[in-house]
Amino acid sequence: MFFIDYKLPNMTGSDVAFAIDSSIEKILVTCELSVNCNYNFKKIISKPYKFDLIAKLIDEHLTQLPLKHASKQLKDPRV
């Protein structure tokens, strides 16, 4: 799971997300009111964000990890 800021030196968060493996969940963090986002983020969070929200997203992601691995095993027993 990656939290990516939208405004970065020399690129955008969308550029970074495009370079990261598509199987990895990405969450965009931004203070921009209207973001021209050309990449599929799981969620877009506006700044300033609350720590509780970040903790909740991480917790949800971690509880889903064993399920993702189990579903891969069902599809391919070699996993």
N, C-alpha and C. Protein backbone atom coordinates (compact mmCIF):
# COMPACT_ATOMS: atom_id res chain seq x y z
N MET A 1 0.85 -1.16 0.00
CA MET A 1 0.00 0.00 0.00
C MET A 1 0.90 1.23 0.00
N PHE A 2 0.58 2.17 -0.90
CA PHE A 2 1.33 3.42 -1.00
C PHE A 2 0.40 4.60 -0.78
N PHE A 3 0.86 5.56 0.02
CA PHE A 3 0.21 6.86 0.13
C PHE A 3 1.08 7.80 -0.69
N ILE A 4 0.49 8.44 -1.68
CA ILE A 4 1.26 9.25 -2.61
C ILE A 4 0.71 10.67 -2.62
N ASP A 5 1.58 11.64 -2.41
CA ASP A 5 1.18 13.04 -2.52
C ASP A 5 1.00 13.37 -4.00
N TYR A 6 0.06 14.24 -4.30
CA TYR A 6 -0.17 14.58 -5.71
C TYR A 6 0.92 15.49 -6.25
N LYS A 7 1.26 16.53 -5.48
CA LYS A 7 2.22 17.52 -5.96
C LYS A 7 3.63 17.15 -5.52
N LEU A 8 4.44 16.76 -6.48
CA LEU A 8 5.82 16.35 -6.21
C LEU A 8 6.76 17.13 -7.12
N PRO A 9 8.03 17.23 -6.77
CA PRO A 9 8.98 17.90 -7.66
C PRO A 9 9.12 17.13 -8.98
N ASN A 10 8.93 17.81 -10.07
CA ASN A 10 9.14 17.27 -11.42
C ASN A 10 8.12 16.23 -11.87
N MET A 11 7.10 15.94 -11.08
CA MET A 11 6.08 14.96 -11.49
C MET A 11 4.87 15.07 -10.59
N THR A 12 3.86 14.25 -10.88
CA THR A 12 2.67 14.21 -10.02
C THR A 12 2.56 12.83 -9.38
N GLY A 13 1.67 12.73 -8.42
CA GLY A 13 1.41 11.44 -7.80
C GLY A 13 0.90 10.42 -8.80
N SER A 14 0.17 10.89 -9.82
CA SER A 14 -0.30 9.99 -10.87
C SER A 14 0.87 9.37 -11.62
N ASP A 15 1.91 10.17 -11.87
CA ASP A 15 3.10 9.65 -12.55
C ASP A 15 3.76 8.54 -11.72
N VAL A 16 3.85 8.77 -10.43
CA VAL A 16 4.46 7.78 -9.53
C VAL A 16 3.59 6.52 -9.51
N ALA A 17 2.28 6.69 -9.37
CA ALA A 17 1.37 5.55 -9.30
C ALA A 17 1.45 4.70 -10.56
N PHE A 18 1.60 5.34 -11.70
CA PHE A 18 1.70 4.61 -12.96
C PHE A 18 2.93 3.72 -12.99
N ALA A 19 4.01 4.15 -12.32
CA ALA A 19 5.26 3.39 -12.32
C ALA A 19 5.26 2.24 -11.31
N ILE A 20 4.31 2.25 -10.37
CA ILE A 20 4.24 1.22 -9.34
C ILE A 20 3.36 0.07 -9.83
N ASP A 21 3.73 -1.14 -9.49
CA ASP A 21 2.97 -2.34 -9.87
C ASP A 21 1.47 -2.13 -9.64
N SER A 22 0.67 -2.48 -10.62
CA SER A 22 -0.78 -2.25 -10.55
C SER A 22 -1.47 -3.08 -9.47
N SER A 23 -0.82 -4.12 -8.97
CA SER A 23 -1.44 -4.93 -7.92
C SER A 23 -1.33 -4.29 -6.53
N ILE A 24 -0.53 -3.23 -6.43
CA ILE A 24 -0.35 -2.53 -5.16
C ILE A 24 -1.38 -1.42 -5.04
N GLU A 25 -2.09 -1.40 -3.90
CA GLU A 25 -3.09 -0.36 -3.68
C GLU A 25 -2.40 0.99 -3.47
N LYS A 26 -3.01 2.01 -4.08
CA LYS A 26 -2.46 3.36 -3.99
C LYS A 26 -3.54 4.32 -3.51
N ILE A 27 -3.15 5.21 -2.61
CA ILE A 27 -4.05 6.23 -2.09
C ILE A 27 -3.40 7.58 -2.35
N LEU A 28 -4.14 8.46 -3.01
CA LEU A 28 -3.63 9.78 -3.33
C LEU A 28 -3.95 10.74 -2.20
N VAL A 29 -2.95 11.53 -1.79
CA VAL A 29 -3.12 12.53 -0.75
C VAL A 29 -2.85 13.89 -1.40
N THR A 30 -3.80 14.82 -1.26
CA THR A 30 -3.63 16.10 -1.94
C THR A 30 -4.34 17.24 -1.23
N CYS A 31 -3.85 18.45 -1.46
CA CYS A 31 -4.55 19.64 -0.98
C CYS A 31 -5.19 20.36 -2.17
N GLU A 32 -4.99 19.83 -3.37
CA GLU A 32 -5.58 20.41 -4.57
C GLU A 32 -7.08 20.19 -4.56
N LEU A 33 -7.85 21.23 -4.88
CA LEU A 33 -9.30 21.09 -4.89
C LEU A 33 -9.79 20.28 -6.08
N SER A 34 -9.17 20.50 -7.23
CA SER A 34 -9.55 19.72 -8.40
C SER A 34 -8.30 19.07 -8.98
N VAL A 35 -8.23 17.80 -8.85
CA VAL A 35 -7.06 17.04 -9.30
C VAL A 35 -7.41 16.33 -10.59
N ASN A 36 -6.60 16.55 -11.62
CA ASN A 36 -6.78 15.83 -12.88
C ASN A 36 -6.03 14.52 -12.75
N CYS A 37 -6.70 13.53 -12.22
CA CYS A 37 -6.07 12.26 -11.88
C CYS A 37 -6.30 11.26 -13.01
N ASN A 38 -5.23 10.85 -13.64
CA ASN A 38 -5.34 9.92 -14.76
C ASN A 38 -4.93 8.50 -14.37
N TYR A 39 -5.00 8.19 -13.09
CA TYR A 39 -4.65 6.85 -12.64
C TYR A 39 -5.66 6.40 -11.61
N ASN A 40 -5.89 5.11 -11.52
CA ASN A 40 -6.91 4.58 -10.63
C ASN A 40 -6.37 4.41 -9.22
N PHE A 41 -6.73 5.34 -8.34
CA PHE A 41 -6.37 5.25 -6.93
C PHE A 41 -7.51 4.60 -6.17
N LYS A 42 -7.19 3.85 -5.14
CA LYS A 42 -8.24 3.25 -4.31
C LYS A 42 -9.06 4.34 -3.63
N LYS A 43 -8.37 5.41 -3.23
CA LYS A 43 -9.04 6.50 -2.53
C LYS A 43 -8.23 7.78 -2.72
N ILE A 44 -8.91 8.92 -2.67
CA ILE A 44 -8.25 10.22 -2.70
C ILE A 44 -8.57 10.91 -1.38
N ILE A 45 -7.53 11.29 -0.65
CA ILE A 45 -7.68 11.92 0.66
C ILE A 45 -7.23 13.37 0.55
N SER A 46 -8.04 14.27 1.08
CA SER A 46 -7.66 15.68 1.03
C SER A 46 -6.88 16.07 2.29
N LYS A 47 -5.96 17.00 2.10
CA LYS A 47 -5.19 17.55 3.22
C LYS A 47 -5.94 18.74 3.78
N PRO A 48 -5.84 19.02 5.04
CA PRO A 48 -5.17 18.19 6.04
C PRO A 48 -6.02 16.97 6.35
N TYR A 49 -5.38 15.84 6.49
CA TYR A 49 -6.10 14.60 6.76
C TYR A 49 -6.00 14.27 8.24
N LYS A 50 -6.89 13.41 8.68
CA LYS A 50 -6.89 12.98 10.08
C LYS A 50 -6.13 11.66 10.19
N PHE A 51 -5.30 11.57 11.20
CA PHE A 51 -4.51 10.36 11.42
C PHE A 51 -5.41 9.13 11.56
N ASP A 52 -6.57 9.30 12.18
CA ASP A 52 -7.50 8.18 12.36
C ASP A 52 -7.90 7.57 11.02
N LEU A 53 -8.08 8.40 10.01
CA LEU A 53 -8.44 7.90 8.68
C LEU A 53 -7.31 7.08 8.09
N ILE A 54 -6.09 7.57 8.21
CA ILE A 54 -4.92 6.84 7.70
C ILE A 54 -4.80 5.50 8.41
N ALA A 55 -4.94 5.51 9.73
CA ALA A 55 -4.85 4.27 10.51
C ALA A 55 -5.93 3.29 10.10
N LYS A 56 -7.14 3.78 9.86
CA LYS A 56 -8.24 2.91 9.44
C LYS A 56 -7.95 2.28 8.08
N LEU A 57 -7.44 3.05 7.14
CA LEU A 57 -7.13 2.52 5.81
C LEU A 57 -6.04 1.45 5.88
N ILE A 58 -5.03 1.70 6.69
CA ILE A 58 -3.95 0.71 6.86
C ILE A 58 -4.50 -0.56 7.50
N ASP A 59 -5.32 -0.40 8.52
CA ASP A 59 -5.91 -1.55 9.20
C ASP A 59 -6.77 -2.38 8.23
N GLU A 60 -7.60 -1.71 7.43
CA GLU A 60 -8.42 -2.41 6.44
C GLU A 60 -7.55 -3.17 5.45
N HIS A 61 -6.48 -2.53 5.02
CA HIS A 61 -5.57 -3.15 4.05
C HIS A 61 -4.92 -4.40 4.66
N LEU A 62 -4.45 -4.29 5.89
CA LEU A 62 -3.78 -5.42 6.53
C LEU A 62 -4.72 -6.58 6.79
N THR A 63 -5.98 -6.31 7.10
CA THR A 63 -6.92 -7.40 7.35
C THR A 63 -7.30 -8.11 6.05
N GLN A 64 -7.12 -7.46 4.91
CA GLN A 64 -7.45 -8.08 3.62
C GLN A 64 -6.29 -8.89 3.06
N LEU A 65 -5.08 -8.68 3.54
CA LEU A 65 -3.92 -9.37 2.97
C LEU A 65 -4.03 -10.89 2.97
N PRO A 66 -4.39 -11.54 4.07
CA PRO A 66 -4.51 -13.00 4.03
C PRO A 66 -5.57 -13.47 3.03
N LEU A 67 -6.64 -12.70 2.86
CA LEU A 67 -7.68 -13.07 1.91
C LEU A 67 -7.16 -13.02 0.48
N LYS A 68 -6.36 -12.00 0.17
CA LYS A 68 -5.80 -11.89 -1.17
C LYS A 68 -4.88 -13.07 -1.46
N HIS A 69 -4.05 -13.45 -0.48
CA HIS A 69 -3.13 -14.56 -0.67
C HIS A 69 -3.91 -15.87 -0.83
N ALA A 70 -4.95 -16.05 -0.03
CA ALA A 70 -5.77 -17.27 -0.11
C ALA A 70 -6.46 -17.37 -1.46
N SER A 71 -6.94 -16.25 -2.00
CA SER A 71 -7.61 -16.31 -3.30
C SER A 71 -6.61 -16.65 -4.40
N LYS A 72 -5.35 -16.22 -4.27
CA LYS A 72 -4.33 -16.60 -5.24
C LYS A 72 -4.07 -18.10 -5.18
N GLN A 73 -4.08 -18.67 -3.97
CA GLN A 73 -3.85 -20.10 -3.82
C GLN A 73 -4.97 -20.90 -4.47
N LEU A 74 -6.19 -20.41 -4.37
CA LEU A 74 -7.31 -21.12 -5.00
C LEU A 74 -7.17 -21.13 -6.52
N LYS A 75 -6.64 -20.05 -7.07
CA LYS A 75 -6.47 -19.96 -8.52
C LYS A 75 -5.25 -20.75 -8.98
N ASP A 76 -4.20 -20.73 -8.19
CA ASP A 76 -2.96 -21.39 -8.57
C ASP A 76 -2.38 -22.10 -7.34
N PRO A 77 -2.51 -23.39 -7.23
CA PRO A 77 -2.05 -24.12 -6.04
C PRO A 77 -0.55 -24.02 -5.81
N ARG A 78 0.22 -23.55 -6.78
CA ARG A 78 1.67 -23.42 -6.61
C ARG A 78 2.04 -22.20 -5.78
N VAL A 79 1.09 -21.28 -5.51
CA VAL A 79 1.39 -20.05 -4.76
C VAL A 79 1.62 -20.38 -3.31
